[in-house]
Protein backbone atom coordinates (compact mmCIF):
# COMPACT_ATOMS: atom_id res chain seq x y z
CA UNK A 1 91.38 79.44 83.05
CA UNK A 2 93.29 80.21 86.24
CA UNK A 3 96.05 77.77 85.27
CA UNK A 4 96.69 79.83 82.13
CA UNK A 5 97.43 82.77 84.42
CA UNK A 6 99.65 80.58 86.56
CA UNK A 7 101.55 79.61 83.39
CA UNK A 8 101.96 83.26 82.44
CA UNK A 9 103.24 84.17 85.92
CA UNK A 10 105.60 81.19 85.81
CA UNK A 11 106.83 82.22 82.36
CA UNK A 12 107.68 85.75 83.53
CA UNK A 13 109.46 84.36 86.58
CA UNK A 14 111.41 81.95 84.36
CA UNK A 15 112.47 84.83 82.09
CA UNK A 16 113.60 86.81 85.13
CA UNK A 17 115.61 83.79 86.33
CA UNK A 18 117.19 83.55 82.87
CA UNK A 19 118.19 87.23 82.97
CA UNK A 20 119.64 86.76 86.44
CA UNK A 21 121.77 83.98 84.99
CA UNK A 22 123.32 86.56 82.66
CA UNK A 23 124.84 88.31 85.65
CA UNK A 24 127.63 85.71 85.61
CA UNK A 25 130.76 87.71 84.63
CA UNK A 26 132.20 84.75 82.70
CA UNK A 27 129.59 85.19 79.96
CA UNK A 28 131.20 86.15 76.67
CA UNK A 29 129.72 88.28 73.92
CA UNK A 30 129.03 87.05 70.40
CA UNK A 31 132.06 86.02 68.42
CA UNK A 32 133.88 84.56 71.39
CA UNK A 33 135.63 87.76 72.44
CA UNK A 34 135.60 88.78 76.09
CA UNK A 35 133.40 91.72 76.96
CA UNK A 36 135.09 94.92 78.05
CA UNK A 37 134.47 96.15 81.57
CA UNK A 38 132.02 98.77 80.29
CA UNK A 39 130.11 96.19 78.24
CA UNK A 40 129.96 93.86 81.22
CA UNK A 41 128.67 96.67 83.46
CA UNK A 42 126.06 97.61 80.88
CA UNK A 43 124.96 93.98 80.44
CA UNK A 44 124.81 93.55 84.20
CA UNK A 45 122.65 96.66 84.69
CA UNK A 46 120.37 95.63 81.80
CA UNK A 47 119.96 92.16 83.31
CA UNK A 48 119.19 93.61 86.75
CA UNK A 49 116.67 96.15 85.47
CA UNK A 50 115.09 93.61 83.10
CA UNK A 51 114.77 91.07 85.90
CA UNK A 52 113.21 93.65 88.19
CA UNK A 53 110.70 94.65 85.52
CA UNK A 54 109.76 91.01 84.94
CA UNK A 55 109.37 90.45 88.67
CA UNK A 56 107.12 93.50 88.93
CA UNK A 57 105.07 92.34 85.93
CA UNK A 58 104.81 88.89 87.52
CA UNK A 59 103.43 90.43 90.69
CA UNK A 60 100.72 92.26 88.72
CA UNK A 61 99.89 89.07 86.83
CA UNK A 62 99.71 87.23 90.14
CA UNK A 63 96.95 89.62 91.23
CA UNK A 64 95.06 88.90 88.00
CA UNK A 65 95.58 85.17 88.57
CA UNK A 66 94.02 85.47 92.03
CA UNK A 67 91.06 87.40 90.59
CA UNK A 68 90.56 84.58 88.06
CA UNK A 69 90.70 82.01 90.85
CA UNK A 70 87.74 83.87 92.36
CA UNK A 71 85.89 83.69 89.03
CA UNK A 72 86.38 87.35 88.03
CA UNK A 73 86.87 86.81 84.30
CA UNK A 74 87.41 90.35 83.01
CA UNK A 75 88.78 92.36 85.92
CA UNK A 76 92.54 92.93 86.05
CA UNK A 77 93.53 94.39 89.40
CA UNK A 78 96.79 96.35 89.20
CA UNK A 79 97.35 96.69 92.95
CA UNK A 80 96.68 94.82 96.15
CA UNK A 81 94.06 97.43 97.10
CA UNK A 82 92.21 96.83 93.83
CA UNK A 83 92.32 93.07 94.41
CA UNK A 84 91.05 93.51 97.98
CA UNK A 85 88.13 95.65 96.82
CA UNK A 86 87.31 93.03 94.18
CA UNK A 87 87.48 89.77 96.14
CA UNK A 88 87.27 91.06 99.70
CA UNK A 89 89.74 92.10 102.36
CA UNK A 90 89.10 88.96 104.44
CA UNK A 91 89.98 86.41 101.74
CA UNK A 92 92.98 84.25 102.59
CA UNK A 93 95.03 85.48 99.61
CA UNK A 94 94.54 89.15 100.47
CA UNK A 95 95.30 88.49 104.14
CA UNK A 96 98.53 86.69 103.21
CA UNK A 97 99.56 89.38 100.73
CA UNK A 98 98.84 92.14 103.27
CA UNK A 99 101.10 90.28 105.70
CA UNK A 100 103.86 90.14 103.08
CA UNK A 101 103.30 93.82 102.28
CA UNK A 102 103.78 94.89 105.89
CA UNK A 103 106.65 92.54 106.79
CA UNK A 104 110.11 94.02 106.23
CA UNK A 105 112.25 91.70 104.17
CA UNK A 106 109.35 89.88 102.52
CA UNK A 107 109.26 89.37 98.77
CA UNK A 108 106.31 91.78 98.39
CA UNK A 109 108.05 94.46 100.44
CA UNK A 110 111.27 93.96 98.46
CA UNK A 111 109.34 94.41 95.20
CA UNK A 112 107.76 97.63 96.53
CA UNK A 113 111.24 98.98 97.26
CA UNK A 114 112.56 97.90 93.86
CA UNK A 115 109.59 99.46 92.09
CA UNK A 116 110.11 102.74 93.88
CA UNK A 117 113.83 102.86 93.12
CA UNK A 118 113.37 101.76 89.50
CA UNK A 119 110.73 104.46 88.94
CA UNK A 120 112.97 107.34 89.98
CA UNK A 121 116.17 108.76 88.55
CA UNK A 122 119.34 107.92 90.47
CA UNK A 123 120.24 110.30 93.27
CA UNK A 124 122.94 112.79 92.49
CA UNK A 125 126.06 112.34 94.50
CA UNK A 126 128.32 115.05 95.78
CA UNK A 127 131.97 115.01 94.93
CA UNK A 128 134.26 114.17 97.79
CA UNK A 129 137.21 116.32 98.72
CA UNK A 130 139.34 116.78 101.84
CA UNK A 131 137.24 119.81 102.84
CA UNK A 132 133.83 118.17 102.71
CA UNK A 133 134.41 114.67 104.07
CA UNK A 134 131.75 113.97 106.66
CA UNK A 135 130.64 110.57 107.80
CA UNK A 136 127.04 110.30 106.69
CA UNK A 137 124.81 107.30 106.34
CA UNK A 138 123.55 107.20 102.79
CA UNK A 139 120.45 105.37 101.67
CA UNK A 140 121.80 102.90 99.13
CA UNK A 141 118.37 101.71 98.05
CA UNK A 142 117.03 98.17 97.93
CA UNK A 143 119.27 95.16 97.47
CA UNK A 144 119.53 94.56 93.72
CA UNK A 145 122.03 91.72 93.92
CA UNK A 146 121.40 88.60 91.89
CA UNK A 147 121.10 86.57 95.10
CA UNK A 148 118.51 88.92 96.57
CA UNK A 149 116.49 89.04 93.35
CA UNK A 150 116.69 85.25 93.10
CA UNK A 151 115.40 84.92 96.67
CA UNK A 152 112.45 87.19 95.88
CA UNK A 153 111.78 85.31 92.66
CA UNK A 154 111.81 81.94 94.45
CA UNK A 155 109.44 83.19 97.15
CA UNK A 156 107.02 84.51 94.50
CA UNK A 157 107.18 81.24 92.58
CA UNK A 158 106.46 79.26 95.72
CA UNK A 159 103.49 81.51 96.54
CA UNK A 160 102.08 81.21 92.99
CA UNK A 161 102.58 77.45 92.90
CA UNK A 162 100.92 77.04 96.30
CA UNK A 163 97.93 79.08 95.13
CA UNK A 164 97.59 77.05 91.96
CA UNK A 165 97.83 73.78 93.86
CA UNK A 166 95.35 74.89 96.51
CA UNK A 167 92.75 76.08 94.00
CA UNK A 168 93.17 73.18 91.58
CA UNK A 169 92.17 70.81 94.39
CA UNK A 170 88.69 72.34 94.41
């Protein structure tokens, strides 16, 4: 039963990887014509947002997979706190995920940042003129580059595969 959940997590991660592959600017649209700059920008943003959504869905499914590994057949935890209350705060999976959650730069932390930025409208930007130029550090949000998303995806896949391997040995 747990391997079905591992397959579902792996499928979502594969779909995200496929979308990230679309970020290659050499991709042409149907009919062999080259995409305009606006079409390329739109395709790129769609691929980024779609990949992020699949990564976030994969993380939620990963929590359900862990619950199934602990023989909880009907519960579907939607957050790490829900998983911890279900299987216990001291379980190795929760301990490892809490570590990822608190470590800056981890795949879990990166997903938290992406989820927050994807769930809010973009910040409005002031127009720049000679009278109002001031050097200010602006929060640019989380790294949404294909390389960064691929790194997060690979780390999640490794974590899911390790869990599946560890629990299938029992």
